[in-house]
Amino acid sequence: MTERVVIIGSGPAGWSAAIYAARANLNPLLFEGAVTEENRVNGTLPLGQLSLTTEVENYAGFPAGRLDVFIKSAIADDRLPYMPPLAEEQHAVTGPELMELMRQQARNFGTRIVTDDVVSVDLSGRPLQIVSSEGMTLATHALIVATGARANYLGLPSEEAFKNRGVSACAICDGALPRFRNRPLVVVGGGDSAVEEASYLTKFASVVHLVHRRDQLRASRIMQQRAADDPKIDIVWNHVVDEVLGNDREGVTSVRLKSTVDQSTRELPCGGMFLAVGHTPNTTFLRGQLEMTPKGYIRWTRPFRTVTSVEGVFAAGDVADDYYRQAITSAGTGCMAALDAERYLAEKGLE
């Protein structure tokens, strides 16, 4: 049997694509990824990057409230044990909660879910061929790639220890959280993204230390000037983060910096550290079968469409977006990909 549409990925793009495809009676099958130590280390566990965040205050439709009551009524009993404890008080929806709600909504409409990784695909013929890590093989007429992009980190053990306790890779996602307000913060990086993150964080921080390993930013001239002109941005030249310091009660309290000039070290007090050293799209399994951008993201080959360089293959979410990288924009492109796939199947008489 050949599937009509297969979705790879379980972030906001994947689940939104599944919801729309299921409501269109396409009977989608979604690979959400495997629960393995390798995926944990790589930040590619099921439910995407959003499942690694805490409060999500900027996803439309989820104001703070007694969400524990709603979640207990909405999520299937067999999934509740996998979720963090629900706060019995007013709170913004957390990343894991939002992703579980999306997953449940896709299930409600009949999406079939496989908890496994796709390790290879063959896009050279029709139908398209897919192989999973556990040896499952199947064919599909349409494929939606929604595997996302994982944030690059420094690789420090202390950095890993303080993730979600003061270490973040998304200022827009986490910057407004109470733990970061009116405190000195550190942003690591030197490109446009780093300056954008630093500028955004000045809305909440007492000061933002922009730590860069060189004596000149890689950012565009206009962004460099913006950083230089902002009184709340302190650029720390010629340094790298050597270790993240903190404790169980407060989370991050400082970072130890090491000079790239003379190898001296110093401690910089802060309430959090934000990484802006790039993202890596999760496309290894494609083995170069789709056209990519210079940064390695899947290229959309038609304006305002999610179509790729291979007919019948669509891309949604951060795997094709190195600019916005927000849950709500990913969900929007997931919807678009499902609609594009539905119309493609209808044109081919495969609906």
C-alpha atoms as a PDB file:
ATOM      1  CA  MET A   1       0.000   0.000   0.000  1.00  0.00           C
ATOM      2  CA  THR A   2       1.278   3.463  -0.894  1.00  0.00           C
ATOM      3  CA  GLU A   3       0.596   6.258   1.576  1.00  0.00           C
ATOM      4  CA  ARG A   4      -0.944   9.445   0.284  1.00  0.00           C
ATOM      5  CA  VAL A   5       1.106  11.712   2.535  1.00  0.00           C
ATOM      6  CA  VAL A   6       3.875  11.114   5.053  1.00  0.00           C
ATOM      7  CA  ILE A   7       5.088  13.820   7.432  1.00  0.00           C
ATOM      8  CA  ILE A   8       8.555  13.722   8.984  1.00  0.00           C
ATOM      9  CA  GLY A   9       8.913  15.851  12.100  1.00  0.00           C
ATOM     10  CA  SER A  10       6.935  16.548  15.261  1.00  0.00           C
ATOM     11  CA  GLY A  11       7.328  20.249  15.965  1.00  0.00           C
ATOM     12  CA  PRO A  12       4.641  22.873  15.347  1.00  0.00           C
ATOM     13  CA  ALA A  13       5.057  22.525  11.557  1.00  0.00           C
ATOM     14  CA  GLY A  14       4.678  18.758  11.598  1.00  0.00           C
ATOM     15  CA  TRP A  15       1.609  18.665  13.821  1.00  0.00           C
ATOM     16  CA  SER A  16      -0.095  21.516  11.981  1.00  0.00           C
ATOM     17  CA  ALA A  17       0.510  19.735   8.684  1.00  0.00           C
ATOM     18  CA  ALA A  18      -0.922  16.554  10.208  1.00  0.00           C
ATOM     19  CA  ILE A  19      -4.040  18.317  11.487  1.00  0.00           C
ATOM     20  CA  TYR A  20      -4.799  19.841   8.095  1.00  0.00           C
ATOM     21  CA  ALA A  21      -3.957  16.679   6.175  1.00  0.00           C
ATOM     22  CA  ALA A  22      -6.078  14.535   8.491  1.00  0.00           C
ATOM     23  CA  ARG A  23      -9.047  16.896   8.248  1.00  0.00           C
ATOM     24  CA  ALA A  24      -8.726  16.632   4.455  1.00  0.00           C
ATOM     25  CA  ASN A  25      -9.140  12.840   4.787  1.00  0.00           C
ATOM     26  CA  LEU A  26      -5.606  12.150   3.566  1.00  0.00           C
ATOM     27  CA  ASN A  27      -4.997   9.707   6.447  1.00  0.00           C
ATOM     28  CA  PRO A  28      -1.483  11.051   7.128  1.00  0.00           C
ATOM     29  CA  LEU A  29       1.297   9.072   8.753  1.00  0.00           C
ATOM     30  CA  LEU A  30       3.755  11.075  10.845  1.00  0.00           C
ATOM     31  CA  PHE A  31       7.234  10.074  12.029  1.00  0.00           C
ATOM     32  CA  GLU A  32       7.750  11.920  15.314  1.00  0.00           C
ATOM     33  CA  GLY A  33      11.294  10.697  15.959  1.00  0.00           C
ATOM     34  CA  ALA A  34      12.765   8.177  18.362  1.00  0.00           C
ATOM     35  CA  VAL A  35      13.390   8.579  22.088  1.00  0.00           C
ATOM     36  CA  THR A  36      17.127   7.868  22.165  1.00  0.00           C
ATOM     37  CA  GLU A  37      20.147   9.232  24.005  1.00  0.00           C
ATOM     38  CA  GLU A  38      21.610  10.389  20.696  1.00  0.00           C
ATOM     39  CA  ASN A  39      18.506  12.447  19.962  1.00  0.00           C
ATOM     40  CA  ARG A  40      18.537  13.870  23.495  1.00  0.00           C
ATOM     41  CA  VAL A  41      22.141  15.024  23.136  1.00  0.00           C
ATOM     42  CA  ASN A  42      21.466  16.453  19.666  1.00  0.00           C
ATOM     43  CA  GLY A  43      18.281  18.219  20.757  1.00  0.00           C
ATOM     44  CA  THR A  44      16.183  16.221  18.285  1.00  0.00           C
ATOM     45  CA  LEU A  45      13.811  14.314  20.561  1.00  0.00           C
ATOM     46  CA  PRO A  46      10.124  14.049  19.579  1.00  0.00           C
ATOM     47  CA  LEU A  47       8.051  17.255  19.862  1.00  0.00           C
ATOM     48  CA  GLY A  48      10.781  19.507  18.528  1.00  0.00           C
ATOM     49  CA  GLN A  49      12.702  22.463  19.957  1.00  0.00           C
ATOM     50  CA  LEU A  50       9.613  23.870  21.642  1.00  0.00           C
ATOM     51  CA  SER A  51       9.555  20.906  24.014  1.00  0.00           C
ATOM     52  CA  LEU A  52      12.918  22.149  25.356  1.00  0.00           C
ATOM     53  CA  THR A  53      11.551  25.552  26.397  1.00  0.00           C
ATOM     54  CA  THR A  54       9.644  26.635  29.477  1.00  0.00           C
ATOM     55  CA  GLU A  55       6.801  29.196  29.295  1.00  0.00           C
ATOM     56  CA  VAL A  56       5.522  30.129  25.827  1.00  0.00           C
ATOM     57  CA  GLU A  57       3.892  33.529  26.149  1.00  0.00           C
ATOM     58  CA  ASN A  58       3.747  34.522  22.461  1.00  0.00           C
ATOM     59  CA  TYR A  59       1.718  31.714  20.854  1.00  0.00           C
ATOM     60  CA  ALA A  60      -1.680  33.177  19.962  1.00  0.00           C
ATOM     61  CA  GLY A  61      -4.646  31.653  21.739  1.00  0.00           C
ATOM     62  CA  PHE A  62      -2.855  30.589  24.918  1.00  0.00           C
ATOM     63  CA  PRO A  63      -3.081  33.358  27.523  1.00  0.00           C
ATOM     64  CA  ALA A  64      -2.016  32.559  31.062  1.00  0.00           C
ATOM     65  CA  GLY A  65      -4.657  30.753  33.080  1.00  0.00           C
ATOM     66  CA  ARG A  66      -5.526  27.532  34.881  1.00  0.00           C
ATOM     67  CA  LEU A  67      -4.234  25.470  31.985  1.00  0.00           C
ATOM     68  CA  ASP A  68      -3.805  22.348  34.127  1.00  0.00           C
ATOM     69  CA  VAL A  69      -7.577  21.860  34.138  1.00  0.00           C
ATOM     70  CA  PHE A  70      -7.804  22.176  30.362  1.00  0.00           C
ATOM     71  CA  ILE A  71      -4.762  19.984  29.705  1.00  0.00           C
ATOM     72  CA  LYS A  72      -6.062  17.155  31.909  1.00  0.00           C
ATOM     73  CA  SER A  73      -9.326  17.222  29.977  1.00  0.00           C
ATOM     74  CA  ALA A  74      -7.655  17.407  26.551  1.00  0.00           C
ATOM     75  CA  ILE A  75      -4.658  15.076  26.679  1.00  0.00           C
ATOM     76  CA  ALA A  76      -5.119  11.308  26.555  1.00  0.00           C
ATOM     77  CA  ASP A  77      -4.418   9.590  29.865  1.00  0.00           C
ATOM     78  CA  ASP A  78      -1.609   7.501  28.381  1.00  0.00           C
ATOM     79  CA  ARG A  79       0.359  10.668  27.514  1.00  0.00           C
ATOM     80  CA  LEU A  80       0.021  12.507  30.840  1.00  0.00           C
ATOM     81  CA  PRO A  81       2.847  10.544  32.530  1.00  0.00           C
ATOM     82  CA  TYR A  82       5.283  11.819  29.882  1.00  0.00           C
ATOM     83  CA  MET A  83       4.532  15.460  30.676  1.00  0.00           C
ATOM     84  CA  PRO A  84       6.129  17.663  33.335  1.00  0.00           C
ATOM     85  CA  PRO A  85       3.995  18.153  36.461  1.00  0.00           C
ATOM     86  CA  LEU A  86       1.116  20.509  35.765  1.00  0.00           C
ATOM     87  CA  ALA A  87       1.117  23.756  37.744  1.00  0.00           C
ATOM     88  CA  GLU A  88      -2.141  24.159  39.681  1.00  0.00           C
ATOM     89  CA  GLU A  89      -2.050  27.929  39.314  1.00  0.00           C
ATOM     90  CA  GLN A  90      -2.250  30.622  36.664  1.00  0.00           C
ATOM     91  CA  HIS A  91       0.606  30.183  34.212  1.00  0.00           C
ATOM     92  CA  ALA A  92       1.500  30.553  30.554  1.00  0.00           C
ATOM     93  CA  VAL A  93       1.486  27.361  28.532  1.00  0.00           C
ATOM     94  CA  THR A  94       4.870  25.626  28.566  1.00  0.00           C
ATOM     95  CA  GLY A  95       6.601  24.261  25.491  1.00  0.00           C
ATOM     96  CA  PRO A  96       5.996  20.593  26.363  1.00  0.00           C
ATOM     97  CA  GLU A  97       2.339  21.289  27.154  1.00  0.00           C
ATOM     98  CA  LEU A  98       1.745  23.120  23.878  1.00  0.00           C
ATOM     99  CA  MET A  99       3.399  20.355  21.884  1.00  0.00           C
ATOM    100  CA  GLU A 100       1.393  17.633  23.622  1.00  0.00           C
ATOM    101  CA  LEU A 101      -1.792  19.557  22.852  1.00  0.00           C
ATOM    102  CA  MET A 102      -0.805  19.797  19.175  1.00  0.00           C
ATOM    103  CA  ARG A 103       0.018  16.086  19.113  1.00  0.00           C
ATOM    104  CA  GLN A 104      -3.311  15.215  20.698  1.00  0.00           C
ATOM    105  CA  GLN A 105      -5.204  17.391  18.220  1.00  0.00           C
ATOM    106  CA  ALA A 106      -3.536  15.599  15.316  1.00  0.00           C
ATOM    107  CA  ARG A 107      -4.409  12.231  16.886  1.00  0.00           C
ATOM    108  CA  ASN A 108      -8.003  13.305  17.365  1.00  0.00           C
ATOM    109  CA  PHE A 109      -8.373  13.679  13.603  1.00  0.00           C
ATOM    110  CA  GLY A 110      -6.832  10.280  12.886  1.00  0.00           C
ATOM    111  CA  THR A 111      -3.137  10.988  12.297  1.00  0.00           C
ATOM    112  CA  ARG A 112      -1.108   7.796  12.603  1.00  0.00           C
ATOM    113  CA  ILE A 113       2.069   8.327  14.583  1.00  0.00           C
ATOM    114  CA  VAL A 114       5.310   6.350  14.378  1.00  0.00           C
ATOM    115  CA  THR A 115       7.825   6.940  17.169  1.00  0.00           C
ATOM    116  CA  ASP A 116      10.924   6.348  15.084  1.00  0.00           C
ATOM    117  CA  ASP A 117      13.518   8.251  13.079  1.00  0.00           C
ATOM    118  CA  VAL A 118      13.592   8.347   9.289  1.00  0.00           C
ATOM    119  CA  VAL A 119      17.152   7.477   8.312  1.00  0.00           C
ATOM    120  CA  SER A 120      16.914   7.597   4.535  1.00  0.00           C
ATOM    121  CA  VAL A 121      14.617   8.492   1.665  1.00  0.00           C
ATOM    122  CA  ASP A 122      14.733   7.857  -2.070  1.00  0.00           C
ATOM    123  CA  LEU A 123      13.200  10.745  -3.976  1.00  0.00           C
ATOM    124  CA  SER A 124      14.409   9.681  -7.397  1.00  0.00           C
ATOM    125  CA  GLY A 125      11.310   7.756  -8.474  1.00  0.00           C
ATOM    126  CA  ARG A 126       7.578   7.418  -7.881  1.00  0.00           C
ATOM    127  CA  PRO A 127       6.275   6.676  -5.372  1.00  0.00           C
ATOM    128  CA  LEU A 128       8.776   8.168  -2.911  1.00  0.00           C
ATOM    129  CA  GLN A 129      10.526   5.663  -0.641  1.00  0.00           C
ATOM    130  CA  ILE A 130      11.156   6.007   3.121  1.00  0.00           C
ATOM    131  CA  VAL A 131      13.202   3.882   5.537  1.00  0.00           C
ATOM    132  CA  SER A 132      13.155   4.207   9.345  1.00  0.00           C
ATOM    133  CA  SER A 133      15.849   3.339  11.883  1.00  0.00           C
ATOM    134  CA  GLU A 134      13.924   0.225  12.956  1.00  0.00           C
ATOM    135  CA  GLY A 135      13.747  -1.035   9.376  1.00  0.00           C
ATOM    136  CA  MET A 136      10.258   0.098   8.498  1.00  0.00           C
ATOM    137  CA  THR A 137       9.978   0.778   4.759  1.00  0.00           C
ATOM    138  CA  LEU A 138       7.090   2.424   3.006  1.00  0.00           C
ATOM    139  CA  ALA A 139       6.128   4.353  -0.090  1.00  0.00           C
ATOM    140  CA  THR A 140       4.249   7.628  -0.351  1.00  0.00           C
ATOM    141  CA  HIS A 141       2.873   9.870  -3.066  1.00  0.00           C
ATOM    142  CA  ALA A 142       3.590  13.075  -1.107  1.00  0.00           C
ATOM    143  CA  LEU A 143       6.141  13.883   1.563  1.00  0.00           C
ATOM    144  CA  ILE A 144       6.230  16.817   3.992  1.00  0.00           C
ATOM    145  CA  VAL A 145       9.629  17.434   5.583  1.00  0.00           C
ATOM    146  CA  ALA A 146       9.219  19.274   8.890  1.00  0.00           C
ATOM    147  CA  THR A 147      12.334  18.150  10.747  1.00  0.00           C
ATOM    148  CA  GLY A 148      13.303  21.593  12.032  1.00  0.00           C
ATOM    149  CA  ALA A 149      16.722  22.988  12.853  1.00  0.00           C
ATOM    150  CA  ARG A 150      18.599  22.487  16.067  1.00  0.00           C
ATOM    151  CA  ALA A 151      20.297  25.417  17.786  1.00  0.00           C
ATOM    152  CA  ASN A 152      24.063  25.298  17.930  1.00  0.00           C
ATOM    153  CA  TYR A 153      25.532  25.296  21.424  1.00  0.00           C
ATOM    154  CA  LEU A 154      29.082  25.651  22.698  1.00  0.00           C
ATOM    155  CA  GLY A 155      29.318  22.055  23.885  1.00  0.00           C
ATOM    156  CA  LEU A 156      30.166  22.828  27.518  1.00  0.00           C
ATOM    157  CA  PRO A 157      28.938  20.361  30.187  1.00  0.00           C
ATOM    158  CA  SER A 158      27.960  23.320  32.391  1.00  0.00           C
ATOM    159  CA  GLU A 159      25.969  24.789  29.512  1.00  0.00           C
ATOM    160  CA  GLU A 160      24.004  21.554  29.197  1.00  0.00           C
ATOM    161  CA  ALA A 161      23.416  21.479  32.957  1.00  0.00           C
ATOM    162  CA  PHE A 162      21.760  24.922  32.931  1.00  0.00           C
ATOM    163  CA  LYS A 163      19.575  24.591  29.839  1.00  0.00           C
ATOM    164  CA  ASN A 164      16.125  25.982  30.684  1.00  0.00           C
ATOM    165  CA  ARG A 165      17.595  27.321  33.932  1.00  0.00           C
ATOM    166  CA  GLY A 166      19.213  30.372  32.438  1.00  0.00           C
ATOM    167  CA  VAL A 167      20.742  29.018  29.233  1.00  0.00           C
ATOM    168  CA  SER A 168      18.669  29.546  26.097  1.00  0.00           C
ATOM    169  CA  ALA A 169      19.103  29.711  22.337  1.00  0.00           C
ATOM    170  CA  CYS A 170      16.040  31.876  21.662  1.00  0.00           C
ATOM    171  CA  ALA A 171      15.685  35.382  23.078  1.00  0.00           C
ATOM    172  CA  ILE A 172      12.247  35.921  21.547  1.00  0.00           C
ATOM    173  CA  CYS A 173      11.050  32.641  23.069  1.00  0.00           C
ATOM    174  CA  ASP A 174      12.441  33.147  26.560  1.00  0.00           C
ATOM    175  CA  GLY A 175      13.690  36.706  27.008  1.00  0.00           C
ATOM    176  CA  ALA A 176      10.558  38.048  28.705  1.00  0.00           C
ATOM    177  CA  LEU A 177      10.546  35.365  31.385  1.00  0.00           C
ATOM    178  CA  PRO A 178      10.738  36.675  34.982  1.00  0.00           C
ATOM    179  CA  ARG A 179      14.146  35.082  35.602  1.00  0.00           C
ATOM    180  CA  PHE A 180      15.744  37.385  33.025  1.00  0.00           C
ATOM    181  CA  ARG A 181      14.042  40.682  33.862  1.00  0.00           C
ATOM    182  CA  ASN A 182      16.178  43.525  35.195  1.00  0.00           C
ATOM    183  CA  ARG A 183      19.272  41.363  35.325  1.00  0.00           C
ATOM    184  CA  PRO A 184      22.515  41.428  33.341  1.00  0.00           C
ATOM    185  CA  LEU A 185      22.412  38.928  30.476  1.00  0.00           C
ATOM    186  CA  VAL A 186      25.010  37.471  28.139  1.00  0.00           C
ATOM    187  CA  VAL A 187      24.587  36.896  24.412  1.00  0.00           C
ATOM    188  CA  VAL A 188      27.246  34.810  22.647  1.00  0.00           C
ATOM    189  CA  GLY A 189      27.877  35.478  18.955  1.00  0.00           C
ATOM    190  CA  GLY A 190      28.925  38.097  16.468  1.00  0.00           C
ATOM    191  CA  GLY A 191      26.525  37.945  13.529  1.00  0.00           C
ATOM    192  CA  ASP A 192      23.240  39.660  12.733  1.00  0.00           C
ATOM    193  CA  SER A 193      21.329  37.143  14.838  1.00  0.00           C
ATOM    194  CA  ALA A 194      23.481  37.875  17.877  1.00  0.00           C
ATOM    195  CA  VAL A 195      22.906  41.627  17.589  1.00  0.00           C
ATOM    196  CA  GLU A 196      19.185  41.069  17.042  1.00  0.00           C
ATOM    197  CA  GLU A 197      19.030  38.862  20.143  1.00  0.00           C
ATOM    198  CA  ALA A 198      20.974  41.405  22.184  1.00  0.00           C
ATOM    199  CA  SER A 199      18.791  44.292  20.993  1.00  0.00           C
ATOM    200  CA  TYR A 200      15.637  42.371  21.825  1.00  0.00           C
ATOM    201  CA  LEU A 201      16.891  41.480  25.294  1.00  0.00           C
ATOM    202  CA  THR A 202      17.561  45.139  26.163  1.00  0.00           C
ATOM    203  CA  LYS A 203      13.796  45.433  26.633  1.00  0.00           C
ATOM    204  CA  PHE A 204      14.083  43.240  29.719  1.00  0.00           C
ATOM    205  CA  ALA A 205      17.700  43.130  30.912  1.00  0.00           C
ATOM    206  CA  SER A 206      19.571  45.704  32.984  1.00  0.00           C
ATOM    207  CA  VAL A 207      22.474  45.316  30.542  1.00  0.00           C
ATOM    208  CA  VAL A 208      23.323  42.872  27.759  1.00  0.00           C
ATOM    209  CA  HIS A 209      26.921  41.722  27.406  1.00  0.00           C
ATOM    210  CA  LEU A 210      27.537  40.678  23.805  1.00  0.00           C
ATOM    211  CA  VAL A 211      30.490  38.278  23.949  1.00  0.00           C
ATOM    212  CA  HIS A 212      32.446  37.819  20.725  1.00  0.00           C
ATOM    213  CA  ARG A 213      35.643  35.898  20.112  1.00  0.00           C
ATOM    214  CA  ARG A 214      37.111  38.487  17.738  1.00  0.00           C
ATOM    215  CA  ASP A 215      37.699  42.255  17.756  1.00  0.00           C
ATOM    216  CA  GLN A 216      35.043  42.956  15.122  1.00  0.00           C
ATOM    217  CA  LEU A 217      31.488  41.713  14.677  1.00  0.00           C
ATOM    218  CA  ARG A 218      30.528  39.657  11.644  1.00  0.00           C
ATOM    219  CA  ALA A 219      27.158  41.392  11.557  1.00  0.00           C
ATOM    220  CA  SER A 220      26.169  43.751   8.758  1.00  0.00           C
ATOM    221  CA  ARG A 221      27.290  47.368   9.127  1.00  0.00           C
ATOM    222  CA  ILE A 222      23.859  48.615  10.111  1.00  0.00           C
ATOM    223  CA  MET A 223      23.590  45.947  12.818  1.00  0.00           C
ATOM    224  CA  GLN A 224      27.091  46.709  14.085  1.00  0.00           C
ATOM    225  CA  GLN A 225      26.142  50.359  14.411  1.00  0.00           C
ATOM    226  CA  ARG A 226      22.949  49.449  16.198  1.00  0.00           C
ATOM    227  CA  ALA A 227      24.900  47.488  18.788  1.00  0.00           C
ATOM    228  CA  ALA A 228      27.473  50.255  19.207  1.00  0.00           C
ATOM    229  CA  ASP A 229      24.783  52.928  19.654  1.00  0.00           C
ATOM    230  CA  ASP A 230      22.697  51.048  22.214  1.00  0.00           C
ATOM    231  CA  PRO A 231      23.664  52.161  25.750  1.00  0.00           C
ATOM    232  CA  LYS A 232      22.395  48.863  27.185  1.00  0.00           C
ATOM    233  CA  ILE A 233      24.644  46.687  25.003  1.00  0.00           C
ATOM    234  CA  ASP A 234      28.181  46.103  26.229  1.00  0.00           C
ATOM    235  CA  ILE A 235      30.347  44.388  23.613  1.00  0.00           C
ATOM    236  CA  VAL A 236      32.976  42.134  25.179  1.00  0.00           C
ATOM    237  CA  TRP A 237      35.661  41.712  22.520  1.00  0.00           C
ATOM    238  CA  ASN A 238      38.131  38.847  22.152  1.00  0.00           C
ATOM    239  CA  HIS A 239      36.534  36.492  24.655  1.00  0.00           C
ATOM    240  CA  VAL A 240      34.789  33.127  24.668  1.00  0.00           C
ATOM    241  CA  VAL A 241      32.663  31.487  27.338  1.00  0.00           C
ATOM    242  CA  ASP A 242      34.767  28.970  29.236  1.00  0.00           C
ATOM    243  CA  GLU A 243      32.137  27.833  31.732  1.00  0.00           C
ATOM    244  CA  VAL A 244      28.594  28.601  32.887  1.00  0.00           C
ATOM    245  CA  LEU A 245      28.323  29.091  36.645  1.00  0.00           C
ATOM    246  CA  GLY A 246      25.307  28.892  38.905  1.00  0.00           C
ATOM    247  CA  ASN A 247      23.396  26.803  41.428  1.00  0.00           C
ATOM    248  CA  ASP A 248      20.231  24.745  41.733  1.00  0.00           C
ATOM    249  CA  ARG A 249      18.222  27.509  43.405  1.00  0.00           C
ATOM    250  CA  GLU A 250      19.027  30.484  41.171  1.00  0.00           C
ATOM    251  CA  GLY A 251      20.099  28.824  37.957  1.00  0.00           C
ATOM    252  CA  VAL A 252      22.746  30.771  36.041  1.00  0.00           C
ATOM    253  CA  THR A 253      24.547  33.394  38.126  1.00  0.00           C
ATOM    254  CA  SER A 254      27.619  34.163  35.977  1.00  0.00           C
ATOM    255  CA  VAL A 255      29.842  32.957  33.174  1.00  0.00           C
ATOM    256  CA  ARG A 256      33.590  32.542  33.150  1.00  0.00           C
ATOM    257  CA  LEU A 257      35.161  34.163  30.106  1.00  0.00           C
ATOM    258  CA  LYS A 258      38.521  33.311  28.575  1.00  0.00           C
ATOM    259  CA  SER A 259      40.476  35.799  26.496  1.00  0.00           C
ATOM    260  CA  THR A 260      41.355  34.786  22.946  1.00  0.00           C
ATOM    261  CA  VAL A 261      44.360  37.130  23.120  1.00  0.00           C
ATOM    262  CA  ASP A 262      46.230  36.088  26.270  1.00  0.00           C
ATOM    263  CA  GLN A 263      44.174  33.157  27.654  1.00  0.00           C
ATOM    264  CA  SER A 264      43.394  35.031  30.883  1.00  0.00           C
ATOM    265  CA  THR A 265      39.995  34.420  32.500  1.00  0.00           C
ATOM    266  CA  ARG A 266      37.462  36.522  34.337  1.00  0.00           C
ATOM    267  CA  GLU A 267      33.998  36.042  35.771  1.00  0.00           C
ATOM    268  CA  LEU A 268      31.052  38.024  34.422  1.00  0.00           C
ATOM    269  CA  PRO A 269      27.920  38.104  36.648  1.00  0.00           C
ATOM    270  CA  CYS A 270      24.672  37.496  34.748  1.00  0.00           C
ATOM    271  CA  GLY A 271      21.226  36.002  35.112  1.00  0.00           C
ATOM    272  CA  GLY A 272      21.274  34.115  31.849  1.00  0.00           C
ATOM    273  CA  MET A 273      23.181  33.252  28.701  1.00  0.00           C
ATOM    274  CA  PHE A 274      21.712  33.262  25.196  1.00  0.00           C
ATOM    275  CA  LEU A 275      23.440  31.448  22.348  1.00  0.00           C
ATOM    276  CA  ALA A 276      23.342  33.065  18.901  1.00  0.00           C
ATOM    277  CA  VAL A 277      25.921  30.947  17.122  1.00  0.00           C
ATOM    278  CA  GLY A 278      23.657  29.605  14.413  1.00  0.00           C
ATOM    279  CA  HIS A 279      21.343  26.675  13.765  1.00  0.00           C
ATOM    280  CA  THR A 280      21.841  23.420  11.916  1.00  0.00           C
ATOM    281  CA  PRO A 281      18.871  22.170   9.853  1.00  0.00           C
ATOM    282  CA  ASN A 282      18.042  18.505  10.348  1.00  0.00           C
ATOM    283  CA  THR A 283      18.486  17.299   6.775  1.00  0.00           C
ATOM    284  CA  THR A 284      21.163  14.586   6.983  1.00  0.00           C
ATOM    285  CA  PHE A 285      18.707  11.838   6.058  1.00  0.00           C
ATOM    286  CA  LEU A 286      17.949  13.579   2.745  1.00  0.00           C
ATOM    287  CA  ARG A 287      21.522  13.011   1.526  1.00  0.00           C
ATOM    288  CA  GLY A 288      21.465  16.013  -0.773  1.00  0.00           C
ATOM    289  CA  GLN A 289      18.408  14.976  -2.762  1.00  0.00           C
ATOM    290  CA  LEU A 290      16.705  18.355  -2.345  1.00  0.00           C
ATOM    291  CA  GLU A 291      18.003  21.749  -3.391  1.00  0.00           C
ATOM    292  CA  MET A 292      19.341  23.659  -0.399  1.00  0.00           C
ATOM    293  CA  THR A 293      20.165  27.283   0.370  1.00  0.00           C
ATOM    294  CA  PRO A 294      23.795  28.294   0.964  1.00  0.00           C
ATOM    295  CA  LYS A 295      23.133  27.845   4.703  1.00  0.00           C
ATOM    296  CA  GLY A 296      21.895  24.287   4.217  1.00  0.00           C
ATOM    297  CA  TYR A 297      18.159  24.891   4.598  1.00  0.00           C
ATOM    298  CA  ILE A 298      15.676  23.341   2.171  1.00  0.00           C
ATOM    299  CA  ARG A 299      14.885  25.810  -0.584  1.00  0.00           C
ATOM    300  CA  TRP A 300      11.304  26.626  -1.529  1.00  0.00           C
ATOM    301  CA  THR A 301      11.372  26.765  -5.306  1.00  0.00           C
ATOM    302  CA  ARG A 302       8.184  28.807  -5.787  1.00  0.00           C
ATOM    303  CA  PRO A 303       7.340  32.059  -3.988  1.00  0.00           C
ATOM    304  CA  PHE A 304       4.726  31.682  -1.239  1.00  0.00           C
ATOM    305  CA  ARG A 305       4.586  27.906  -1.711  1.00  0.00           C
ATOM    306  CA  THR A 306       6.215  25.113   0.269  1.00  0.00           C
ATOM    307  CA  VAL A 307       7.216  23.155  -2.825  1.00  0.00           C
ATOM    308  CA  THR A 308      10.799  21.922  -3.130  1.00  0.00           C
ATOM    309  CA  SER A 309      13.008  20.936  -6.039  1.00  0.00           C
ATOM    310  CA  VAL A 310      11.428  17.449  -6.126  1.00  0.00           C
ATOM    311  CA  GLU A 311       7.821  17.115  -7.220  1.00  0.00           C
ATOM    312  CA  GLY A 312       5.596  15.870  -4.417  1.00  0.00           C
ATOM    313  CA  VAL A 313       8.010  16.884  -1.658  1.00  0.00           C
ATOM    314  CA  PHE A 314       7.140  19.860   0.540  1.00  0.00           C
ATOM    315  CA  ALA A 315       9.052  21.548   3.366  1.00  0.00           C
ATOM    316  CA  ALA A 316       7.643  23.307   6.422  1.00  0.00           C
ATOM    317  CA  GLY A 317       8.973  24.995   9.518  1.00  0.00           C
ATOM    318  CA  ASP A 318      12.518  25.747  10.546  1.00  0.00           C
ATOM    319  CA  VAL A 319      14.051  23.219   8.151  1.00  0.00           C
ATOM    320  CA  ALA A 320      13.191  25.753   5.436  1.00  0.00           C
ATOM    321  CA  ASP A 321      13.284  28.964   7.505  1.00  0.00           C
ATOM    322  CA  ASP A 322      16.485  30.524   8.809  1.00  0.00           C
ATOM    323  CA  TYR A 323      14.880  33.925   9.381  1.00  0.00           C
ATOM    324  CA  TYR A 324      11.762  33.814  11.576  1.00  0.00           C
ATOM    325  CA  ARG A 325      12.191  30.528  13.485  1.00  0.00           C
ATOM    326  CA  GLN A 326       9.059  30.958  15.609  1.00  0.00           C
ATOM    327  CA  ALA A 327       6.525  28.353  16.659  1.00  0.00           C
ATOM    328  CA  ILE A 328       3.655  30.296  15.150  1.00  0.00           C
ATOM    329  CA  THR A 329       5.358  30.779  11.769  1.00  0.00           C
ATOM    330  CA  SER A 330       6.320  27.110  11.707  1.00  0.00           C
ATOM    331  CA  ALA A 331       2.729  26.130  12.372  1.00  0.00           C
ATOM    332  CA  GLY A 332       1.621  28.407   9.545  1.00  0.00           C
ATOM    333  CA  THR A 333       3.949  26.800   7.020  1.00  0.00           C
ATOM    334  CA  GLY A 334       2.833  23.385   8.241  1.00  0.00           C
ATOM    335  CA  CYS A 335      -0.704  24.357   7.270  1.00  0.00           C
ATOM    336  CA  MET A 336       0.580  25.613   3.904  1.00  0.00           C
ATOM    337  CA  ALA A 337       2.479  22.384   3.238  1.00  0.00           C
ATOM    338  CA  ALA A 338      -0.596  20.261   3.938  1.00  0.00           C
ATOM    339  CA  LEU A 339      -2.708  22.374   1.604  1.00  0.00           C
ATOM    340  CA  ASP A 340       0.001  22.252  -1.064  1.00  0.00           C
ATOM    341  CA  ALA A 341       0.212  18.474  -0.706  1.00  0.00           C
ATOM    342  CA  GLU A 342      -3.566  18.097  -0.873  1.00  0.00           C
ATOM    343  CA  ARG A 343      -3.746  20.116  -4.101  1.00  0.00           C
ATOM    344  CA  TYR A 344      -0.802  18.229  -5.585  1.00  0.00           C
ATOM    345  CA  LEU A 345      -2.494  14.901  -4.898  1.00  0.00           C
ATOM    346  CA  ALA A 346      -5.758  16.173  -6.375  1.00  0.00           C
ATOM    347  CA  GLU A 347      -3.973  17.308  -9.565  1.00  0.00           C
ATOM    348  CA  LYS A 348      -2.409  13.860  -9.908  1.00  0.00           C
ATOM    349  CA  GLY A 349      -5.653  12.066  -9.150  1.00  0.00           C
ATOM    350  CA  LEU A 350      -4.177  10.499  -5.997  1.00  0.00           C
ATOM    351  CA  GLU A 351      -6.411  11.999  -3.307  1.00  0.00           C
END
